[in-house]
């Protein structure tokens, strides 16, 4: 799956997928063949961090 490179667009893309399609970040990353570590680092760079209880980057 192609994911956006721009971190702000990536944030929206990932949160939408987490809300609508995946019960966890781990499931999304496995299904889409995305490196969870790289994704977390990309969004941390714009001060967004995964909140497992909400299943969103906030």
PDB file of N, CA and C in Angstrom:
ATOM      1  N   UNK A   1       0.850  -1.174   0.000  1.00  0.00           N
ATOM      2  CA  UNK A   1       0.000   0.000   0.000  1.00  0.00           C
ATOM      3  C   UNK A   1       0.893   1.235   0.000  1.00  0.00           C
ATOM      4  N   UNK A   2       0.563   2.186  -0.846  1.00  0.00           N
ATOM      5  CA  UNK A   2       1.272   3.460  -0.836  1.00  0.00           C
ATOM      6  C   UNK A   2       0.672   4.344   0.246  1.00  0.00           C
ATOM      7  N   UNK A   3       1.551   4.870   1.090  1.00  0.00           N
ATOM      8  CA  UNK A   3       1.076   5.771   2.130  1.00  0.00           C
ATOM      9  C   UNK A   3       1.660   7.151   1.877  1.00  0.00           C
ATOM     10  N   UNK A   4       0.971   8.204   2.310  1.00  0.00           N
ATOM     11  CA  UNK A   4       1.471   9.563   2.087  1.00  0.00           C
ATOM     12  C   UNK A   4       2.827   9.789   2.749  1.00  0.00           C
ATOM     13  N   UNK A   5       3.653  10.604   2.125  1.00  0.00           N
ATOM     14  CA  UNK A   5       4.969  10.948   2.674  1.00  0.00           C
ATOM     15  C   UNK A   5       4.878  12.154   3.612  1.00  0.00           C
ATOM     16  N   UNK A   6       4.002  13.090   3.299  1.00  0.00           N
ATOM     17  CA  UNK A   6       3.851  14.285   4.133  1.00  0.00           C
ATOM     18  C   UNK A   6       3.297  13.875   5.496  1.00  0.00           C
ATOM     19  N   UNK A   7       3.964  14.239   6.592  1.00  0.00           N
ATOM     20  CA  UNK A   7       3.538  13.775   7.919  1.00  0.00           C
ATOM     21  C   UNK A   7       2.117  14.185   8.313  1.00  0.00           C
ATOM     22  N   UNK A   8       1.679  15.368   7.920  1.00  0.00           N
ATOM     23  CA  UNK A   8       0.329  15.817   8.294  1.00  0.00           C
ATOM     24  C   UNK A   8      -0.731  15.016   7.537  1.00  0.00           C
ATOM     25  N   UNK A   9      -0.483  14.775   6.270  1.00  0.00           N
ATOM     26  CA  UNK A   9      -1.412  13.958   5.484  1.00  0.00           C
ATOM     27  C   UNK A   9      -1.355  12.510   5.962  1.00  0.00           C
ATOM     28  N   UNK A  10      -0.157  12.045   6.299  1.00  0.00           N
ATOM     29  CA  UNK A  10       0.010  10.699   6.848  1.00  0.00           C
ATOM     30  C   UNK A  10      -0.806  10.532   8.125  1.00  0.00           C
ATOM     31  N   UNK A  11      -0.777  11.520   8.987  1.00  0.00           N
ATOM     32  CA  UNK A  11      -1.548  11.485  10.236  1.00  0.00           C
ATOM     33  C   UNK A  11      -3.031  11.260   9.951  1.00  0.00           C
ATOM     34  N   UNK A  12      -3.581  12.039   9.058  1.00  0.00           N
ATOM     35  CA  UNK A  12      -4.997  11.902   8.715  1.00  0.00           C
ATOM     36  C   UNK A  12      -5.285  10.533   8.100  1.00  0.00           C
ATOM     37  N   UNK A  13      -4.436  10.100   7.206  1.00  0.00           N
ATOM     38  CA  UNK A  13      -4.583   8.809   6.535  1.00  0.00           C
ATOM     39  C   UNK A  13      -4.591   7.663   7.545  1.00  0.00           C
ATOM     40  N   UNK A  14      -3.612   7.660   8.446  1.00  0.00           N
ATOM     41  CA  UNK A  14      -3.484   6.579   9.429  1.00  0.00           C
ATOM     42  C   UNK A  14      -4.638   6.605  10.420  1.00  0.00           C
ATOM     43  N   UNK A  15      -4.970   7.774  10.950  1.00  0.00           N
ATOM     44  CA  UNK A  15      -6.065   7.842  11.921  1.00  0.00           C
ATOM     45  C   UNK A  15      -7.396   7.422  11.304  1.00  0.00           C
ATOM     46  N   UNK A  16      -7.612   7.768  10.055  1.00  0.00           N
ATOM     47  CA  UNK A  16      -8.841   7.345   9.375  1.00  0.00           C
ATOM     48  C   UNK A  16      -8.886   5.826   9.241  1.00  0.00           C
ATOM     49  N   UNK A  17      -7.770   5.232   8.847  1.00  0.00           N
ATOM     50  CA  UNK A  17      -7.724   3.774   8.729  1.00  0.00           C
ATOM     51  C   UNK A  17      -7.890   3.101  10.093  1.00  0.00           C
ATOM     52  N   UNK A  18      -7.280   3.667  11.113  1.00  0.00           N
ATOM     53  CA  UNK A  18      -7.435   3.094  12.456  1.00  0.00           C
ATOM     54  C   UNK A  18      -8.891   3.183  12.917  1.00  0.00           C
ATOM     55  N   UNK A  19      -9.526   4.286  12.632  1.00  0.00           N
ATOM     56  CA  UNK A  19     -10.922   4.473  13.046  1.00  0.00           C
ATOM     57  C   UNK A  19     -11.865   3.549  12.282  1.00  0.00           C
ATOM     58  N   UNK A  20     -11.647   3.435  10.978  1.00  0.00           N
ATOM     59  CA  UNK A  20     -12.626   2.761  10.125  1.00  0.00           C
ATOM     60  C   UNK A  20     -12.352   1.283   9.840  1.00  0.00           C
ATOM     61  N   UNK A  21     -11.076   0.859   9.926  1.00  0.00           N
ATOM     62  CA  UNK A  21     -10.767  -0.475   9.421  1.00  0.00           C
ATOM     63  C   UNK A  21      -9.972  -1.382  10.341  1.00  0.00           C
ATOM     64  N   UNK A  22      -9.207  -0.828  11.263  1.00  0.00           N
ATOM     65  CA  UNK A  22      -8.277  -1.664  12.029  1.00  0.00           C
ATOM     66  C   UNK A  22      -8.457  -1.486  13.529  1.00  0.00           C
ATOM     67  N   UNK A  23      -8.441  -2.581  14.274  1.00  0.00           N
ATOM     68  CA  UNK A  23      -8.618  -2.507  15.728  1.00  0.00           C
ATOM     69  C   UNK A  23      -7.358  -2.082  16.478  1.00  0.00           C
ATOM     70  N   UNK A  24      -6.208  -2.071  15.776  1.00  0.00           N
ATOM     71  CA  UNK A  24      -4.962  -1.675  16.437  1.00  0.00           C
ATOM     72  C   UNK A  24      -3.942  -1.215  15.397  1.00  0.00           C
ATOM     73  N   UNK A  25      -2.950  -0.499  15.879  1.00  0.00           N
ATOM     74  CA  UNK A  25      -1.860  -0.061  15.011  1.00  0.00           C
ATOM     75  C   UNK A  25      -1.092  -1.263  14.471  1.00  0.00           C
ATOM     76  N   UNK A  26      -0.900  -2.253  15.300  1.00  0.00           N
ATOM     77  CA  UNK A  26      -0.180  -3.458  14.877  1.00  0.00           C
ATOM     78  C   UNK A  26      -0.890  -4.135  13.706  1.00  0.00           C
ATOM     79  N   UNK A  27      -2.215  -4.256  13.784  1.00  0.00           N
ATOM     80  CA  UNK A  27      -2.982  -4.878  12.697  1.00  0.00           C
ATOM     81  C   UNK A  27      -2.875  -4.059  11.412  1.00  0.00           C
ATOM     82  N   UNK A  28      -2.966  -2.743  11.520  1.00  0.00           N
ATOM     83  CA  UNK A  28      -2.847  -1.883  10.346  1.00  0.00           C
ATOM     84  C   UNK A  28      -1.482  -2.079   9.695  1.00  0.00           C
ATOM     85  N   UNK A  29      -0.423  -2.037  10.480  1.00  0.00           N
ATOM     86  CA  UNK A  29       0.937  -2.174   9.943  1.00  0.00           C
ATOM     87  C   UNK A  29       1.157  -3.529   9.295  1.00  0.00           C
ATOM     88  N   UNK A  30       0.669  -4.589   9.920  1.00  0.00           N
ATOM     89  CA  UNK A  30       0.808  -5.929   9.337  1.00  0.00           C
ATOM     90  C   UNK A  30       0.049  -6.028   8.017  1.00  0.00           C
ATOM     91  N   UNK A  31      -1.173  -5.569   8.017  1.00  0.00           N
ATOM     92  CA  UNK A  31      -2.024  -5.676   6.841  1.00  0.00           C
ATOM     93  C   UNK A  31      -1.491  -4.859   5.663  1.00  0.00           C
ATOM     94  N   UNK A  32      -0.947  -3.691   5.965  1.00  0.00           N
ATOM     95  CA  UNK A  32      -0.487  -2.777   4.914  1.00  0.00           C
ATOM     96  C   UNK A  32       1.005  -2.875   4.643  1.00  0.00           C
ATOM     97  N   UNK A  33       1.689  -3.791   5.343  1.00  0.00           N
ATOM     98  CA  UNK A  33       3.137  -3.965   5.191  1.00  0.00           C
ATOM     99  C   UNK A  33       3.882  -2.647   5.414  1.00  0.00           C
ATOM    100  N   UNK A  34       3.572  -2.012   6.553  1.00  0.00           N
ATOM    101  CA  UNK A  34       4.187  -0.747   6.958  1.00  0.00           C
ATOM    102  C   UNK A  34       5.050  -1.021   8.180  1.00  0.00           C
ATOM    103  N   UNK A  35       6.220  -0.402   8.229  1.00  0.00           N
ATOM    104  CA  UNK A  35       7.068  -0.513   9.416  1.00  0.00           C
ATOM    105  C   UNK A  35       6.454   0.314  10.543  1.00  0.00           C
ATOM    106  N   UNK A  36       6.066  -0.354  11.629  1.00  0.00           N
ATOM    107  CA  UNK A  36       5.458   0.357  12.746  1.00  0.00           C
ATOM    108  C   UNK A  36       6.444   1.357  13.342  1.00  0.00           C
ATOM    109  N   UNK A  37       7.714   0.983  13.441  1.00  0.00           N
ATOM    110  CA  UNK A  37       8.725   1.864  14.022  1.00  0.00           C
ATOM    111  C   UNK A  37       8.890   3.136  13.195  1.00  0.00           C
ATOM    112  N   UNK A  38       8.939   2.992  11.872  1.00  0.00           N
ATOM    113  CA  UNK A  38       9.081   4.159  10.994  1.00  0.00           C
ATOM    114  C   UNK A  38       7.841   5.041  11.051  1.00  0.00           C
ATOM    115  N   UNK A  39       6.679   4.433  11.092  1.00  0.00           N
ATOM    116  CA  UNK A  39       5.434   5.189  11.178  1.00  0.00           C
ATOM    117  C   UNK A  39       5.378   5.986  12.477  1.00  0.00           C
ATOM    118  N   UNK A  40       5.677   5.337  13.586  1.00  0.00           N
ATOM    119  CA  UNK A  40       5.670   6.015  14.891  1.00  0.00           C
ATOM    120  C   UNK A  40       6.672   7.167  14.893  1.00  0.00           C
ATOM    121  N   UNK A  41       7.857   6.949  14.336  1.00  0.00           N
ATOM    122  CA  UNK A  41       8.882   7.996  14.291  1.00  0.00           C
ATOM    123  C   UNK A  41       8.443   9.174  13.419  1.00  0.00           C
ATOM    124  N   UNK A  42       7.825   8.885  12.281  1.00  0.00           N
ATOM    125  CA  UNK A  42       7.365   9.955  11.389  1.00  0.00           C
ATOM    126  C   UNK A  42       6.339  10.844  12.066  1.00  0.00           C
ATOM    127  N   UNK A  43       5.413  10.230  12.779  1.00  0.00           N
ATOM    128  CA  UNK A  43       4.369  11.019  13.428  1.00  0.00           C
ATOM    129  C   UNK A  43       4.859  11.661  14.722  1.00  0.00           C
ATOM    130  N   UNK A  44       5.826  11.053  15.378  1.00  0.00           N
ATOM    131  CA  UNK A  44       6.425  11.673  16.567  1.00  0.00           C
ATOM    132  C   UNK A  44       7.160  12.955  16.178  1.00  0.00           C
ATOM    133  N   UNK A  45       7.677  12.999  14.954  1.00  0.00           N
ATOM    134  CA  UNK A  45       8.388  14.190  14.475  1.00  0.00           C
ATOM    135  C   UNK A  45       7.479  15.416  14.426  1.00  0.00           C
ATOM    136  N   UNK A  46       6.169  15.199  14.310  1.00  0.00           N
ATOM    137  CA  UNK A  46       5.219  16.323  14.348  1.00  0.00           C
ATOM    138  C   UNK A  46       4.420  16.310  15.654  1.00  0.00           C
ATOM    139  N   UNK A  47       4.991  15.637  16.645  1.00  0.00           N
ATOM    140  CA  UNK A  47       4.464  15.597  18.017  1.00  0.00           C
ATOM    141  C   UNK A  47       3.108  14.905  18.142  1.00  0.00           C
ATOM    142  N   UNK A  48       2.932  13.822  17.373  1.00  0.00           N
ATOM    143  CA  UNK A  48       1.748  12.975  17.519  1.00  0.00           C
ATOM    144  C   UNK A  48       2.215  11.598  17.962  1.00  0.00           C
ATOM    145  N   UNK A  49       1.513  11.039  18.928  1.00  0.00           N
ATOM    146  CA  UNK A  49       1.914   9.774  19.527  1.00  0.00           C
ATOM    147  C   UNK A  49       0.707   8.849  19.599  1.00  0.00           C
ATOM    148  N   UNK A  50       0.948   7.568  19.367  1.00  0.00           N
ATOM    149  CA  UNK A  50      -0.127   6.586  19.361  1.00  0.00           C
ATOM    150  C   UNK A  50      -0.687   6.382  20.762  1.00  0.00           C
ATOM    151  N   UNK A  51      -2.003   6.435  20.875  1.00  0.00           N
ATOM    152  CA  UNK A  51      -2.723   6.203  22.124  1.00  0.00           C
ATOM    153  C   UNK A  51      -3.534   4.917  21.957  1.00  0.00           C
ATOM    154  N   UNK A  52      -3.028   3.796  22.477  1.00  0.00           N
ATOM    155  CA  UNK A  52      -3.712   2.510  22.265  1.00  0.00           C
ATOM    156  C   UNK A  52      -5.153   2.487  22.777  1.00  0.00           C
ATOM    157  N   UNK A  53      -5.419   3.181  23.871  1.00  0.00           N
ATOM    158  CA  UNK A  53      -6.779   3.173  24.419  1.00  0.00           C
ATOM    159  C   UNK A  53      -7.778   3.862  23.493  1.00  0.00           C
ATOM    160  N   UNK A  54      -7.310   4.782  22.666  1.00  0.00           N
ATOM    161  CA  UNK A  54      -8.179   5.476  21.713  1.00  0.00           C
ATOM    162  C   UNK A  54      -7.969   4.972  20.283  1.00  0.00           C
ATOM    163  N   UNK A  55      -6.924   4.154  20.082  1.00  0.00           N
ATOM    164  CA  UNK A  55      -6.553   3.649  18.766  1.00  0.00           C
ATOM    165  C   UNK A  55      -6.392   4.793  17.766  1.00  0.00           C
ATOM    166  N   UNK A  56      -5.709   5.842  18.193  1.00  0.00           N
ATOM    167  CA  UNK A  56      -5.473   7.026  17.373  1.00  0.00           C
ATOM    168  C   UNK A  56      -4.130   7.645  17.722  1.00  0.00           C
ATOM    169  N   UNK A  57      -3.589   8.410  16.778  1.00  0.00           N
ATOM    170  CA  UNK A  57      -2.435   9.258  17.064  1.00  0.00           C
ATOM    171  C   UNK A  57      -2.981  10.607  17.493  1.00  0.00           C
ATOM    172  N   UNK A  58      -2.579  11.037  18.674  1.00  0.00           N
ATOM    173  CA  UNK A  58      -3.050  12.315  19.221  1.00  0.00           C
ATOM    174  C   UNK A  58      -1.866  13.169  19.611  1.00  0.00           C
TER     175      UNK A  58
END
